[in-house]
Amino acid sequence: MATDLYVYAGQLQNLERGKNDVTGIPPAASLIVAEQWAIMCKEAGGEDKLIASLEVKDVREVNHA
């Protein structure tokens, strides 16, 4: 199981996928693998700065229960 980052409709979310999963992504969305996300964060000067530059709301910790 891998956890990637999914950006859609102004929100940053985790997306879990298995080895054989096929993931369809709408044209206005982005799916970023965790390794690439780490590189992007480093280049931006930190995750907070990257999220701010993308102008998205981080909803990864929201509990929908």
PDB file of N, CA and C in Angstrom:
ATOM      1  N   MET A   1       0.845  -1.173   0.000  1.00  0.00           N
ATOM      2  CA  MET A   1       0.000   0.000   0.000  1.00  0.00           C
ATOM      3  C   MET A   1       0.898   1.246   0.000  1.00  0.00           C
ATOM      4  N   ALA A   2       0.586   2.188  -0.853  1.00  0.00           N
ATOM      5  CA  ALA A   2       1.322   3.453  -0.924  1.00  0.00           C
ATOM      6  C   ALA A   2       0.361   4.587  -0.605  1.00  0.00           C
ATOM      7  N   THR A   3       0.889   5.623   0.013  1.00  0.00           N
ATOM      8  CA  THR A   3       0.099   6.817   0.267  1.00  0.00           C
ATOM      9  C   THR A   3       0.699   7.954  -0.548  1.00  0.00           C
ATOM     10  N   ASP A   4      -0.080   8.466  -1.467  1.00  0.00           N
ATOM     11  CA  ASP A   4       0.346   9.573  -2.317  1.00  0.00           C
ATOM     12  C   ASP A   4      -0.456  10.811  -1.941  1.00  0.00           C
ATOM     13  N   LEU A   5      -0.132  11.925  -2.560  1.00  0.00           N
ATOM     14  CA  LEU A   5      -0.832  13.179  -2.317  1.00  0.00           C
ATOM     15  C   LEU A   5      -1.719  13.475  -3.505  1.00  0.00           C
ATOM     16  N   TYR A   6      -2.949  13.846  -3.221  1.00  0.00           N
ATOM     17  CA  TYR A   6      -3.944  14.125  -4.236  1.00  0.00           C
ATOM     18  C   TYR A   6      -4.402  15.565  -4.064  1.00  0.00           C
ATOM     19  N   VAL A   7      -4.279  16.356  -5.119  1.00  0.00           N
ATOM     20  CA  VAL A   7      -4.686  17.757  -5.091  1.00  0.00           C
ATOM     21  C   VAL A   7      -5.854  17.926  -6.060  1.00  0.00           C
ATOM     22  N   TYR A   8      -6.988  18.366  -5.495  1.00  0.00           N
ATOM     23  CA  TYR A   8      -8.186  18.552  -6.316  1.00  0.00           C
ATOM     24  C   TYR A   8      -9.117  19.539  -5.624  1.00  0.00           C
ATOM     25  N   ALA A   9      -9.709  20.402  -6.405  1.00  0.00           N
ATOM     26  CA  ALA A   9     -10.696  21.370  -5.917  1.00  0.00           C
ATOM     27  C   ALA A   9     -10.163  22.176  -4.741  1.00  0.00           C
ATOM     28  N   GLY A  10      -8.901  22.557  -4.818  1.00  0.00           N
ATOM     29  CA  GLY A  10      -8.316  23.406  -3.779  1.00  0.00           C
ATOM     30  C   GLY A  10      -7.982  22.693  -2.490  1.00  0.00           C
ATOM     31  N   GLN A  11      -7.970  21.359  -2.504  1.00  0.00           N
ATOM     32  CA  GLN A  11      -7.670  20.602  -1.298  1.00  0.00           C
ATOM     33  C   GLN A  11      -6.531  19.617  -1.529  1.00  0.00           C
ATOM     34  N   LEU A  12      -5.726  19.449  -0.489  1.00  0.00           N
ATOM     35  CA  LEU A  12      -4.633  18.476  -0.478  1.00  0.00           C
ATOM     36  C   LEU A  12      -5.077  17.311   0.399  1.00  0.00           C
ATOM     37  N   GLN A  13      -5.071  16.111  -0.166  1.00  0.00           N
ATOM     38  CA  GLN A  13      -5.541  14.924   0.547  1.00  0.00           C
ATOM     39  C   GLN A  13      -4.553  13.782   0.367  1.00  0.00           C
ATOM     40  N   ASN A  14      -4.593  12.829   1.289  1.00  0.00           N
ATOM     41  CA  ASN A  14      -3.861  11.588   1.105  1.00  0.00           C
ATOM     42  C   ASN A  14      -4.698  10.668   0.236  1.00  0.00           C
ATOM     43  N   LEU A  15      -4.034   9.873  -0.576  1.00  0.00           N
ATOM     44  CA  LEU A  15      -4.711   8.877  -1.399  1.00  0.00           C
ATOM     45  C   LEU A  15      -3.924   7.584  -1.253  1.00  0.00           C
ATOM     46  N   GLU A  16      -4.561   6.575  -0.685  1.00  0.00           N
ATOM     47  CA  GLU A  16      -3.906   5.279  -0.524  1.00  0.00           C
ATOM     48  C   GLU A  16      -4.236   4.404  -1.721  1.00  0.00           C
ATOM     49  N   ARG A  17      -3.217   3.711  -2.210  1.00  0.00           N
ATOM     50  CA  ARG A  17      -3.432   2.823  -3.342  1.00  0.00           C
ATOM     51  C   ARG A  17      -2.562   1.587  -3.188  1.00  0.00           C
ATOM     52  N   GLY A  18      -3.081   0.491  -3.690  1.00  0.00           N
ATOM     53  CA  GLY A  18      -2.354  -0.767  -3.652  1.00  0.00           C
ATOM     54  C   GLY A  18      -1.542  -0.964  -4.912  1.00  0.00           C
ATOM     55  N   LYS A  19      -0.743  -1.981  -4.908  1.00  0.00           N
ATOM     56  CA  LYS A  19       0.167  -2.265  -6.023  1.00  0.00           C
ATOM     57  C   LYS A  19      -0.559  -2.400  -7.355  1.00  0.00           C
ATOM     58  N   ASN A  20      -1.728  -2.998  -7.361  1.00  0.00           N
ATOM     59  CA  ASN A  20      -2.438  -3.245  -8.616  1.00  0.00           C
ATOM     60  C   ASN A  20      -3.590  -2.287  -8.868  1.00  0.00           C
ATOM     61  N   ASP A  21      -3.713  -1.245  -8.057  1.00  0.00           N
ATOM     62  CA  ASP A  21      -4.784  -0.264  -8.248  1.00  0.00           C
ATOM     63  C   ASP A  21      -4.560   0.556  -9.512  1.00  0.00           C
ATOM     64  N   VAL A  22      -5.657   0.920 -10.132  1.00  0.00           N
ATOM     65  CA  VAL A  22      -5.639   1.859 -11.243  1.00  0.00           C
ATOM     66  C   VAL A  22      -6.370   3.105 -10.754  1.00  0.00           C
ATOM     67  N   THR A  23      -5.719   4.251 -10.842  1.00  0.00           N
ATOM     68  CA  THR A  23      -6.289   5.479 -10.297  1.00  0.00           C
ATOM     69  C   THR A  23      -6.567   6.458 -11.424  1.00  0.00           C
ATOM     70  N   GLY A  24      -7.833   6.807 -11.588  1.00  0.00           N
ATOM     71  CA  GLY A  24      -8.210   7.824 -12.569  1.00  0.00           C
ATOM     72  C   GLY A  24      -8.172   9.193 -11.915  1.00  0.00           C
ATOM     73  N   ILE A  25      -7.533  10.136 -12.561  1.00  0.00           N
ATOM     74  CA  ILE A  25      -7.393  11.485 -12.022  1.00  0.00           C
ATOM     75  C   ILE A  25      -8.043  12.466 -12.994  1.00  0.00           C
ATOM     76  N   PRO A  26      -8.977  13.299 -12.504  1.00  0.00           N
ATOM     77  CA  PRO A  26      -9.593  14.301 -13.378  1.00  0.00           C
ATOM     78  C   PRO A  26      -8.547  15.267 -13.937  1.00  0.00           C
ATOM     79  N   PRO A  27      -8.808  15.881 -15.084  1.00  0.00           N
ATOM     80  CA  PRO A  27      -7.839  16.795 -15.698  1.00  0.00           C
ATOM     81  C   PRO A  27      -7.399  17.944 -14.776  1.00  0.00           C
ATOM     82  N   ALA A  28      -8.255  18.396 -13.885  1.00  0.00           N
ATOM     83  CA  ALA A  28      -7.913  19.527 -13.019  1.00  0.00           C
ATOM     84  C   ALA A  28      -7.237  19.088 -11.723  1.00  0.00           C
ATOM     85  N   ALA A  29      -6.893  17.810 -11.600  1.00  0.00           N
ATOM     86  CA  ALA A  29      -6.311  17.282 -10.369  1.00  0.00           C
ATOM     87  C   ALA A  29      -4.861  16.864 -10.592  1.00  0.00           C
ATOM     88  N   SER A  30      -4.156  16.634  -9.474  1.00  0.00           N
ATOM     89  CA  SER A  30      -2.781  16.132  -9.523  1.00  0.00           C
ATOM     90  C   SER A  30      -2.628  15.010  -8.526  1.00  0.00           C
ATOM     91  N   LEU A  31      -1.895  13.980  -8.899  1.00  0.00           N
ATOM     92  CA  LEU A  31      -1.523  12.895  -7.999  1.00  0.00           C
ATOM     93  C   LEU A  31      -0.002  12.913  -7.913  1.00  0.00           C
ATOM     94  N   ILE A  32       0.508  13.088  -6.716  1.00  0.00           N
ATOM     95  CA  ILE A  32       1.947  13.243  -6.512  1.00  0.00           C
ATOM     96  C   ILE A  32       2.428  12.110  -5.612  1.00  0.00           C
ATOM     97  N   VAL A  33       3.384  11.317  -6.075  1.00  0.00           N
ATOM     98  CA  VAL A  33       3.914  10.238  -5.248  1.00  0.00           C
ATOM     99  C   VAL A  33       4.695  10.841  -4.080  1.00  0.00           C
ATOM    100  N   ALA A  34       4.702  10.111  -2.966  1.00  0.00           N
ATOM    101  CA  ALA A  34       5.304  10.621  -1.733  1.00  0.00           C
ATOM    102  C   ALA A  34       6.763  11.043  -1.912  1.00  0.00           C
ATOM    103  N   GLU A  35       7.523  10.277  -2.672  1.00  0.00           N
ATOM    104  CA  GLU A  35       8.937  10.607  -2.877  1.00  0.00           C
ATOM    105  C   GLU A  35       9.088  11.949  -3.588  1.00  0.00           C
ATOM    106  N   GLN A  36       8.256  12.183  -4.587  1.00  0.00           N
ATOM    107  CA  GLN A  36       8.304  13.452  -5.320  1.00  0.00           C
ATOM    108  C   GLN A  36       7.829  14.598  -4.432  1.00  0.00           C
ATOM    109  N   TRP A  37       6.818  14.348  -3.603  1.00  0.00           N
ATOM    110  CA  TRP A  37       6.317  15.363  -2.674  1.00  0.00           C
ATOM    111  C   TRP A  37       7.440  15.820  -1.739  1.00  0.00           C
ATOM    112  N   ALA A  38       8.224  14.875  -1.251  1.00  0.00           N
ATOM    113  CA  ALA A  38       9.344  15.213  -0.355  1.00  0.00           C
ATOM    114  C   ALA A  38      10.356  16.108  -1.056  1.00  0.00           C
ATOM    115  N   ILE A  39      10.648  15.829  -2.310  1.00  0.00           N
ATOM    116  CA  ILE A  39      11.572  16.666  -3.083  1.00  0.00           C
ATOM    117  C   ILE A  39      10.983  18.057  -3.280  1.00  0.00           C
ATOM    118  N   MET A  40       9.703  18.116  -3.619  1.00  0.00           N
ATOM    119  CA  MET A  40       9.045  19.413  -3.827  1.00  0.00           C
ATOM    120  C   MET A  40       9.065  20.243  -2.548  1.00  0.00           C
ATOM    121  N   CYS A  41       8.823  19.588  -1.405  1.00  0.00           N
ATOM    122  CA  CYS A  41       8.841  20.295  -0.117  1.00  0.00           C
ATOM    123  C   CYS A  41      10.227  20.869   0.159  1.00  0.00           C
ATOM    124  N   LYS A  42      11.248  20.078  -0.078  1.00  0.00           N
ATOM    125  CA  LYS A  42      12.621  20.527   0.156  1.00  0.00           C
ATOM    126  C   LYS A  42      12.953  21.725  -0.726  1.00  0.00           C
ATOM    127  N   GLU A  43      12.591  21.654  -1.997  1.00  0.00           N
ATOM    128  CA  GLU A  43      12.880  22.735  -2.931  1.00  0.00           C
ATOM    129  C   GLU A  43      12.105  24.013  -2.602  1.00  0.00           C
ATOM    130  N   ALA A  44      10.914  23.856  -1.998  1.00  0.00           N
ATOM    131  CA  ALA A  44      10.081  25.016  -1.653  1.00  0.00           C
ATOM    132  C   ALA A  44      10.496  25.640  -0.316  1.00  0.00           C
ATOM    133  N   GLY A  45      11.359  24.953   0.437  1.00  0.00           N
ATOM    134  CA  GLY A  45      11.756  25.463   1.741  1.00  0.00           C
ATOM    135  C   GLY A  45      10.902  24.938   2.881  1.00  0.00           C
ATOM    136  N   GLY A  46      10.162  23.858   2.630  1.00  0.00           N
ATOM    137  CA  GLY A  46       9.336  23.232   3.655  1.00  0.00           C
ATOM    138  C   GLY A  46       7.939  22.952   3.149  1.00  0.00           C
ATOM    139  N   GLU A  47       7.279  22.019   3.826  1.00  0.00           N
ATOM    140  CA  GLU A  47       5.951  21.626   3.388  1.00  0.00           C
ATOM    141  C   GLU A  47       4.947  22.774   3.506  1.00  0.00           C
ATOM    142  N   ASP A  48       5.013  23.542   4.579  1.00  0.00           N
ATOM    143  CA  ASP A  48       4.080  24.666   4.741  1.00  0.00           C
ATOM    144  C   ASP A  48       4.202  25.664   3.595  1.00  0.00           C
ATOM    145  N   LYS A  49       5.424  25.936   3.200  1.00  0.00           N
ATOM    146  CA  LYS A  49       5.635  26.878   2.092  1.00  0.00           C
ATOM    147  C   LYS A  49       5.125  26.312   0.772  1.00  0.00           C
ATOM    148  N   LEU A  50       5.318  25.023   0.561  1.00  0.00           N
ATOM    149  CA  LEU A  50       4.825  24.396  -0.666  1.00  0.00           C
ATOM    150  C   LEU A  50       3.302  24.452  -0.712  1.00  0.00           C
ATOM    151  N   ILE A  51       2.657  24.106   0.389  1.00  0.00           N
ATOM    152  CA  ILE A  51       1.197  24.132   0.436  1.00  0.00           C
ATOM    153  C   ILE A  51       0.675  25.542   0.190  1.00  0.00           C
ATOM    154  N   ALA A  52       1.335  26.528   0.790  1.00  0.00           N
ATOM    155  CA  ALA A  52       0.927  27.927   0.579  1.00  0.00           C
ATOM    156  C   ALA A  52       1.098  28.318  -0.884  1.00  0.00           C
ATOM    157  N   SER A  53       2.185  27.891  -1.503  1.00  0.00           N
ATOM    158  CA  SER A  53       2.423  28.254  -2.905  1.00  0.00           C
ATOM    159  C   SER A  53       1.415  27.587  -3.844  1.00  0.00           C
ATOM    160  N   LEU A  54       0.931  26.417  -3.463  1.00  0.00           N
ATOM    161  CA  LEU A  54      -0.073  25.726  -4.270  1.00  0.00           C
ATOM    162  C   LEU A  54      -1.475  26.285  -4.037  1.00  0.00           C
ATOM    163  N   GLU A  55      -1.612  27.076  -2.980  1.00  0.00           N
ATOM    164  CA  GLU A  55      -2.897  27.687  -2.622  1.00  0.00           C
ATOM    165  C   GLU A  55      -3.981  26.635  -2.441  1.00  0.00           C
ATOM    166  N   VAL A  56      -3.657  25.606  -1.645  1.00  0.00           N
ATOM    167  CA  VAL A  56      -4.608  24.542  -1.345  1.00  0.00           C
ATOM    168  C   VAL A  56      -4.793  24.431   0.161  1.00  0.00           C
ATOM    169  N   LYS A  57      -5.908  23.847   0.563  1.00  0.00           N
ATOM    170  CA  LYS A  57      -6.191  23.592   1.963  1.00  0.00           C
ATOM    171  C   LYS A  57      -5.780  22.161   2.277  1.00  0.00           C
ATOM    172  N   ASP A  58      -4.968  21.988   3.305  1.00  0.00           N
ATOM    173  CA  ASP A  58      -4.500  20.671   3.709  1.00  0.00           C
ATOM    174  C   ASP A  58      -5.572  20.007   4.562  1.00  0.00           C
ATOM    175  N   VAL A  59      -6.228  18.988   4.021  1.00  0.00           N
ATOM    176  CA  VAL A  59      -7.281  18.281   4.748  1.00  0.00           C
ATOM    177  C   VAL A  59      -6.868  16.837   5.073  1.00  0.00           C
ATOM    178  N   ARG A  60      -5.575  16.576   5.085  1.00  0.00           N
ATOM    179  CA  ARG A  60      -5.091  15.222   5.336  1.00  0.00           C
ATOM    180  C   ARG A  60      -5.418  14.704   6.734  1.00  0.00           C
ATOM    181  N   GLU A  61      -5.546  15.573   7.704  1.00  0.00           N
ATOM    182  CA  GLU A  61      -5.792  15.139   9.084  1.00  0.00           C
ATOM    183  C   GLU A  61      -7.249  15.248   9.497  1.00  0.00           C
ATOM    184  N   VAL A  62      -8.117  15.609   8.596  1.00  0.00           N
ATOM    185  CA  VAL A  62      -9.531  15.764   8.923  1.00  0.00           C
ATOM    186  C   VAL A  62     -10.162  14.401   9.136  1.00  0.00           C
ATOM    187  N   ASN A  63     -10.878  14.265  10.241  1.00  0.00           N
ATOM    188  CA  ASN A  63     -11.574  13.009  10.544  1.00  0.00           C
ATOM    189  C   ASN A  63     -13.030  13.166  10.104  1.00  0.00           C
ATOM    190  N   HIS A  64     -13.446  12.378   9.136  1.00  0.00           N
ATOM    191  CA  HIS A  64     -14.795  12.492   8.585  1.00  0.00           C
ATOM    192  C   HIS A  64     -15.787  11.574   9.284  1.00  0.00           C
ATOM    193  N   ALA A  65     -15.389  10.954  10.385  1.00  0.00           N
ATOM    194  CA  ALA A  65     -16.279  10.014  11.095  1.00  0.00           C
ATOM    195  C   ALA A  65     -17.387  10.727  11.828  1.00  0.00           C
TER     196      ALA A  65
END
